[in-house]
Amino acid sequence: MTTLWWAIALVCLGCYALKLAGLAMPRKVLDQPLVRRFAELVPVALLAALVAVQMFSANGELTFDLPRTAGLGAAVIALLLRAPFLVVLAAAAVVTALARLILG
């Protein structure tokens, strides 16, 4: 468990250093197309990784949970319909809860 806390501390330190580097960068560097594209896509990639880990793991093992998958599907459909963020969250929660209720 100590190793986990060291890893968390290092990641926190790395995030802080990255944020500090972003604030210290000259405007000329930040206006480059490659840097701008990187800054736009990294949060999306991190969020997708977080969703994947939460979707397909439980207790440190790979798993498939039908109610979670149904909720994710409802969220994707709501996003495709350009629903507001709170509606997307509510749709995912309601569908997941109903699937858990029906499937037991």
N, C-alpha and C. Protein backbone atom coordinates (compact mmCIF):
# COMPACT_ATOMS: atom_id res chain seq x y z
N MET A 1 0.81 -1.19 0.00
CA MET A 1 0.00 0.00 0.00
C MET A 1 0.86 1.26 0.00
N THR A 2 2.03 1.18 0.61
CA THR A 2 2.94 2.33 0.63
C THR A 2 3.38 2.70 -0.77
N THR A 3 3.61 1.73 -1.63
CA THR A 3 4.02 1.99 -3.00
C THR A 3 2.94 2.78 -3.74
N LEU A 4 1.69 2.44 -3.47
CA LEU A 4 0.58 3.16 -4.10
C LEU A 4 0.60 4.63 -3.71
N TRP A 5 0.82 4.91 -2.44
CA TRP A 5 0.85 6.30 -1.99
C TRP A 5 2.04 7.06 -2.57
N TRP A 6 3.17 6.40 -2.72
CA TRP A 6 4.31 7.04 -3.37
C TRP A 6 3.99 7.36 -4.83
N ALA A 7 3.31 6.42 -5.49
CA ALA A 7 2.93 6.66 -6.88
C ALA A 7 1.95 7.83 -6.98
N ILE A 8 1.00 7.90 -6.07
CA ILE A 8 0.05 9.01 -6.07
C ILE A 8 0.77 10.33 -5.83
N ALA A 9 1.70 10.33 -4.88
CA ALA A 9 2.46 11.55 -4.59
C ALA A 9 3.28 11.99 -5.79
N LEU A 10 3.90 11.05 -6.49
CA LEU A 10 4.70 11.39 -7.67
C LEU A 10 3.83 11.93 -8.80
N VAL A 11 2.66 11.33 -8.98
CA VAL A 11 1.75 11.81 -10.02
C VAL A 11 1.26 13.21 -9.68
N CYS A 12 0.95 13.46 -8.41
CA CYS A 12 0.53 14.80 -7.99
C CYS A 12 1.64 15.82 -8.23
N LEU A 13 2.84 15.45 -7.89
CA LEU A 13 3.99 16.33 -8.11
C LEU A 13 4.19 16.59 -9.61
N GLY A 14 4.05 15.56 -10.41
CA GLY A 14 4.18 15.71 -11.86
C GLY A 14 3.10 16.62 -12.43
N CYS A 15 1.87 16.48 -11.95
CA CYS A 15 0.78 17.34 -12.41
C CYS A 15 1.04 18.80 -12.03
N TYR A 16 1.51 18.99 -10.80
CA TYR A 16 1.83 20.36 -10.37
C TYR A 16 2.95 20.95 -11.23
N ALA A 17 3.98 20.16 -11.49
CA ALA A 17 5.09 20.63 -12.32
C ALA A 17 4.63 20.95 -13.74
N LEU A 18 3.74 20.14 -14.27
CA LEU A 18 3.21 20.38 -15.61
C LEU A 18 2.39 21.67 -15.64
N LYS A 19 1.57 21.87 -14.62
CA LYS A 19 0.78 23.10 -14.53
C LYS A 19 1.69 24.32 -14.41
N LEU A 20 2.71 24.21 -13.57
CA LEU A 20 3.66 25.30 -13.38
C LEU A 20 4.41 25.59 -14.68
N ALA A 21 4.79 24.54 -15.40
CA ALA A 21 5.48 24.72 -16.68
C ALA A 21 4.58 25.43 -17.68
N GLY A 22 3.30 25.10 -17.67
CA GLY A 22 2.36 25.76 -18.57
C GLY A 22 2.21 27.23 -18.26
N LEU A 23 2.22 27.56 -16.98
CA LEU A 23 2.11 28.97 -16.60
C LEU A 23 3.40 29.74 -16.90
N ALA A 24 4.53 29.06 -16.86
CA ALA A 24 5.82 29.72 -17.07
C ALA A 24 6.21 29.79 -18.55
N MET A 25 5.51 29.07 -19.41
CA MET A 25 5.86 29.05 -20.83
C MET A 25 5.59 30.40 -21.48
N PRO A 26 6.47 30.82 -22.36
CA PRO A 26 6.21 32.04 -23.12
C PRO A 26 5.02 31.84 -24.07
N ARG A 27 4.31 32.90 -24.34
CA ARG A 27 3.13 32.84 -25.20
C ARG A 27 3.47 32.30 -26.58
N LYS A 28 4.68 32.57 -27.04
CA LYS A 28 5.11 32.12 -28.37
C LYS A 28 5.07 30.59 -28.46
N VAL A 29 5.47 29.91 -27.40
CA VAL A 29 5.46 28.44 -27.39
C VAL A 29 4.04 27.92 -27.35
N LEU A 30 3.20 28.53 -26.51
CA LEU A 30 1.82 28.06 -26.36
C LEU A 30 0.97 28.27 -27.59
N ASP A 31 1.35 29.21 -28.46
CA ASP A 31 0.58 29.48 -29.67
C ASP A 31 0.93 28.55 -30.83
N GLN A 32 1.91 27.69 -30.66
CA GLN A 32 2.27 26.75 -31.72
C GLN A 32 1.14 25.73 -31.90
N PRO A 33 0.83 25.36 -33.14
CA PRO A 33 -0.28 24.45 -33.41
C PRO A 33 -0.14 23.07 -32.72
N LEU A 34 1.08 22.54 -32.67
CA LEU A 34 1.27 21.24 -32.05
C LEU A 34 0.99 21.29 -30.55
N VAL A 35 1.45 22.32 -29.89
CA VAL A 35 1.21 22.48 -28.45
C VAL A 35 -0.27 22.70 -28.18
N ARG A 36 -0.90 23.51 -28.99
CA ARG A 36 -2.33 23.77 -28.83
C ARG A 36 -3.15 22.48 -29.02
N ARG A 37 -2.81 21.71 -30.03
CA ARG A 37 -3.52 20.44 -30.30
C ARG A 37 -3.33 19.47 -29.14
N PHE A 38 -2.11 19.40 -28.62
CA PHE A 38 -1.81 18.53 -27.48
C PHE A 38 -2.66 18.94 -26.27
N ALA A 39 -2.74 20.23 -26.01
CA ALA A 39 -3.51 20.73 -24.87
C ALA A 39 -5.00 20.46 -25.03
N GLU A 40 -5.49 20.42 -26.25
CA GLU A 40 -6.90 20.13 -26.49
C GLU A 40 -7.22 18.65 -26.33
N LEU A 41 -6.29 17.77 -26.72
CA LEU A 41 -6.59 16.34 -26.75
C LEU A 41 -6.23 15.59 -25.48
N VAL A 42 -5.29 16.07 -24.69
CA VAL A 42 -4.88 15.34 -23.49
C VAL A 42 -6.04 15.17 -22.49
N PRO A 43 -6.83 16.21 -22.19
CA PRO A 43 -7.93 15.99 -21.25
C PRO A 43 -8.95 14.96 -21.74
N VAL A 44 -9.19 14.94 -23.04
CA VAL A 44 -10.12 13.96 -23.60
C VAL A 44 -9.57 12.55 -23.44
N ALA A 45 -8.30 12.38 -23.70
CA ALA A 45 -7.68 11.06 -23.56
C ALA A 45 -7.68 10.59 -22.10
N LEU A 46 -7.39 11.50 -21.18
CA LEU A 46 -7.39 11.14 -19.77
C LEU A 46 -8.79 10.78 -19.28
N LEU A 47 -9.79 11.53 -19.72
CA LEU A 47 -11.17 11.21 -19.34
C LEU A 47 -11.60 9.87 -19.92
N ALA A 48 -11.23 9.60 -21.16
CA ALA A 48 -11.56 8.31 -21.77
C ALA A 48 -10.90 7.16 -21.03
N ALA A 49 -9.67 7.35 -20.61
CA ALA A 49 -8.98 6.31 -19.84
C ALA A 49 -9.66 6.09 -18.50
N LEU A 50 -10.08 7.17 -17.85
CA LEU A 50 -10.78 7.06 -16.57
C LEU A 50 -12.10 6.31 -16.74
N VAL A 51 -12.84 6.63 -17.78
CA VAL A 51 -14.11 5.94 -18.05
C VAL A 51 -13.85 4.45 -18.30
N ALA A 52 -12.82 4.14 -19.07
CA ALA A 52 -12.51 2.74 -19.37
C ALA A 52 -12.15 1.96 -18.11
N VAL A 53 -11.36 2.56 -17.26
CA VAL A 53 -10.97 1.88 -16.01
C VAL A 53 -12.19 1.67 -15.12
N GLN A 54 -13.04 2.68 -15.00
CA GLN A 54 -14.22 2.56 -14.16
C GLN A 54 -15.24 1.59 -14.76
N MET A 55 -15.27 1.51 -16.07
CA MET A 55 -16.24 0.64 -16.75
C MET A 55 -15.87 -0.83 -16.65
N PHE A 56 -14.64 -1.13 -16.87
CA PHE A 56 -14.26 -2.52 -17.08
C PHE A 56 -13.36 -3.10 -16.00
N SER A 57 -13.37 -2.51 -14.80
CA SER A 57 -12.59 -3.10 -13.72
C SER A 57 -13.37 -3.01 -12.41
N ALA A 58 -13.17 -4.02 -11.59
CA ALA A 58 -13.75 -4.05 -10.25
C ALA A 58 -12.79 -4.85 -9.38
N ASN A 59 -12.43 -4.27 -8.25
CA ASN A 59 -11.49 -4.92 -7.32
C ASN A 59 -10.17 -5.28 -8.00
N GLY A 60 -9.73 -4.46 -8.93
CA GLY A 60 -8.46 -4.67 -9.58
C GLY A 60 -8.47 -5.74 -10.66
N GLU A 61 -9.64 -6.21 -11.04
CA GLU A 61 -9.73 -7.25 -12.07
C GLU A 61 -10.59 -6.76 -13.24
N LEU A 62 -10.31 -7.30 -14.40
CA LEU A 62 -11.09 -7.00 -15.59
C LEU A 62 -12.46 -7.64 -15.46
N THR A 63 -13.51 -6.86 -15.71
CA THR A 63 -14.86 -7.37 -15.56
C THR A 63 -15.79 -6.72 -16.57
N PHE A 64 -16.93 -7.34 -16.78
CA PHE A 64 -17.96 -6.78 -17.66
C PHE A 64 -19.25 -6.71 -16.85
N ASP A 65 -19.78 -5.50 -16.70
CA ASP A 65 -20.99 -5.28 -15.93
C ASP A 65 -22.04 -4.72 -16.88
N LEU A 66 -23.08 -5.50 -17.16
CA LEU A 66 -24.11 -5.10 -18.12
C LEU A 66 -24.81 -3.80 -17.74
N PRO A 67 -25.20 -3.60 -16.47
CA PRO A 67 -25.83 -2.32 -16.13
C PRO A 67 -24.92 -1.10 -16.36
N ARG A 68 -23.65 -1.22 -16.05
CA ARG A 68 -22.72 -0.11 -16.32
C ARG A 68 -22.63 0.16 -17.82
N THR A 69 -22.57 -0.92 -18.59
CA THR A 69 -22.47 -0.77 -20.04
C THR A 69 -23.73 -0.12 -20.61
N ALA A 70 -24.88 -0.50 -20.07
CA ALA A 70 -26.14 0.12 -20.51
C ALA A 70 -26.15 1.60 -20.17
N GLY A 71 -25.66 1.96 -18.99
CA GLY A 71 -25.58 3.36 -18.60
C GLY A 71 -24.64 4.15 -19.50
N LEU A 72 -23.51 3.55 -19.83
CA LEU A 72 -22.58 4.21 -20.74
C LEU A 72 -23.21 4.39 -22.11
N GLY A 73 -23.94 3.38 -22.56
CA GLY A 73 -24.63 3.49 -23.85
C GLY A 73 -25.65 4.62 -23.85
N ALA A 74 -26.39 4.75 -22.73
CA ALA A 74 -27.36 5.84 -22.62
C ALA A 74 -26.65 7.20 -22.64
N ALA A 75 -25.51 7.28 -21.99
CA ALA A 75 -24.75 8.54 -21.99
C ALA A 75 -24.26 8.88 -23.39
N VAL A 76 -23.78 7.88 -24.11
CA VAL A 76 -23.30 8.11 -25.47
C VAL A 76 -24.45 8.59 -26.37
N ILE A 77 -25.61 7.95 -26.24
CA ILE A 77 -26.77 8.37 -27.04
C ILE A 77 -27.17 9.80 -26.70
N ALA A 78 -27.19 10.12 -25.40
CA ALA A 78 -27.53 11.49 -24.99
C ALA A 78 -26.52 12.49 -25.53
N LEU A 79 -25.25 12.12 -25.53
CA LEU A 79 -24.22 13.01 -26.09
C LEU A 79 -24.41 13.20 -27.59
N LEU A 80 -24.74 12.13 -28.28
CA LEU A 80 -24.97 12.23 -29.73
C LEU A 80 -26.18 13.11 -30.05
N LEU A 81 -27.14 13.12 -29.12
CA LEU A 81 -28.31 13.99 -29.29
C LEU A 81 -28.06 15.41 -28.80
N ARG A 82 -26.81 15.67 -28.38
CA ARG A 82 -26.37 16.98 -27.90
C ARG A 82 -27.15 17.45 -26.67
N ALA A 83 -27.42 16.52 -25.79
CA ALA A 83 -28.10 16.85 -24.54
C ALA A 83 -27.14 17.60 -23.61
N PRO A 84 -27.68 18.43 -22.72
CA PRO A 84 -26.82 19.09 -21.73
C PRO A 84 -26.14 18.07 -20.82
N PHE A 85 -25.02 18.47 -20.22
CA PHE A 85 -24.21 17.56 -19.44
C PHE A 85 -25.00 16.91 -18.30
N LEU A 86 -25.81 17.67 -17.59
CA LEU A 86 -26.58 17.10 -16.49
C LEU A 86 -27.60 16.08 -16.98
N VAL A 87 -28.15 16.29 -18.16
CA VAL A 87 -29.09 15.33 -18.74
C VAL A 87 -28.34 14.04 -19.10
N VAL A 88 -27.12 14.18 -19.61
CA VAL A 88 -26.30 13.00 -19.92
C VAL A 88 -26.04 12.19 -18.66
N LEU A 89 -25.65 12.86 -17.59
CA LEU A 89 -25.40 12.17 -16.32
C LEU A 89 -26.66 11.51 -15.78
N ALA A 90 -27.77 12.24 -15.84
CA ALA A 90 -29.04 11.68 -15.34
C ALA A 90 -29.47 10.47 -16.17
N ALA A 91 -29.32 10.55 -17.48
CA ALA A 91 -29.69 9.42 -18.33
C ALA A 91 -28.86 8.19 -18.00
N ALA A 92 -27.56 8.38 -17.84
CA ALA A 92 -26.69 7.26 -17.50
C ALA A 92 -27.05 6.67 -16.15
N ALA A 93 -27.31 7.52 -15.17
CA ALA A 93 -27.65 7.04 -13.83
C ALA A 93 -28.98 6.29 -13.82
N VAL A 94 -29.98 6.84 -14.50
CA VAL A 94 -31.30 6.20 -14.52
C VAL A 94 -31.24 4.86 -15.24
N VAL A 95 -30.60 4.82 -16.38
CA VAL A 95 -30.51 3.56 -17.13
C VAL A 95 -29.72 2.52 -16.34
N THR A 96 -28.64 2.92 -15.71
CA THR A 96 -27.86 1.98 -14.90
C THR A 96 -28.69 1.46 -13.73
N ALA A 97 -29.40 2.35 -13.05
CA ALA A 97 -30.25 1.93 -11.92
C ALA A 97 -31.36 0.98 -12.38
N LEU A 98 -32.01 1.32 -13.49
CA LEU A 98 -33.07 0.44 -14.00
C LEU A 98 -32.52 -0.93 -14.40
N ALA A 99 -31.35 -0.93 -15.03
CA ALA A 99 -30.76 -2.20 -15.44
C ALA A 99 -30.40 -3.03 -14.21
N ARG A 100 -29.89 -2.40 -13.17
CA ARG A 100 -29.58 -3.13 -11.93
C ARG A 100 -30.84 -3.67 -11.28
N LEU A 101 -31.91 -2.88 -11.33
CA LEU A 101 -33.19 -3.31 -10.76
C LEU A 101 -33.77 -4.50 -11.54
N ILE A 102 -33.70 -4.43 -12.84
CA ILE A 102 -34.28 -5.49 -13.68
C ILE A 102 -33.42 -6.76 -13.64
N LEU A 103 -32.12 -6.58 -13.73
CA LEU A 103 -31.22 -7.74 -13.79
C LEU A 103 -30.87 -8.31 -12.41
N GLY A 104 -31.19 -7.56 -11.40
CA GLY A 104 -30.96 -8.08 -10.04
C GLY A 104 -29.70 -7.73 -9.46
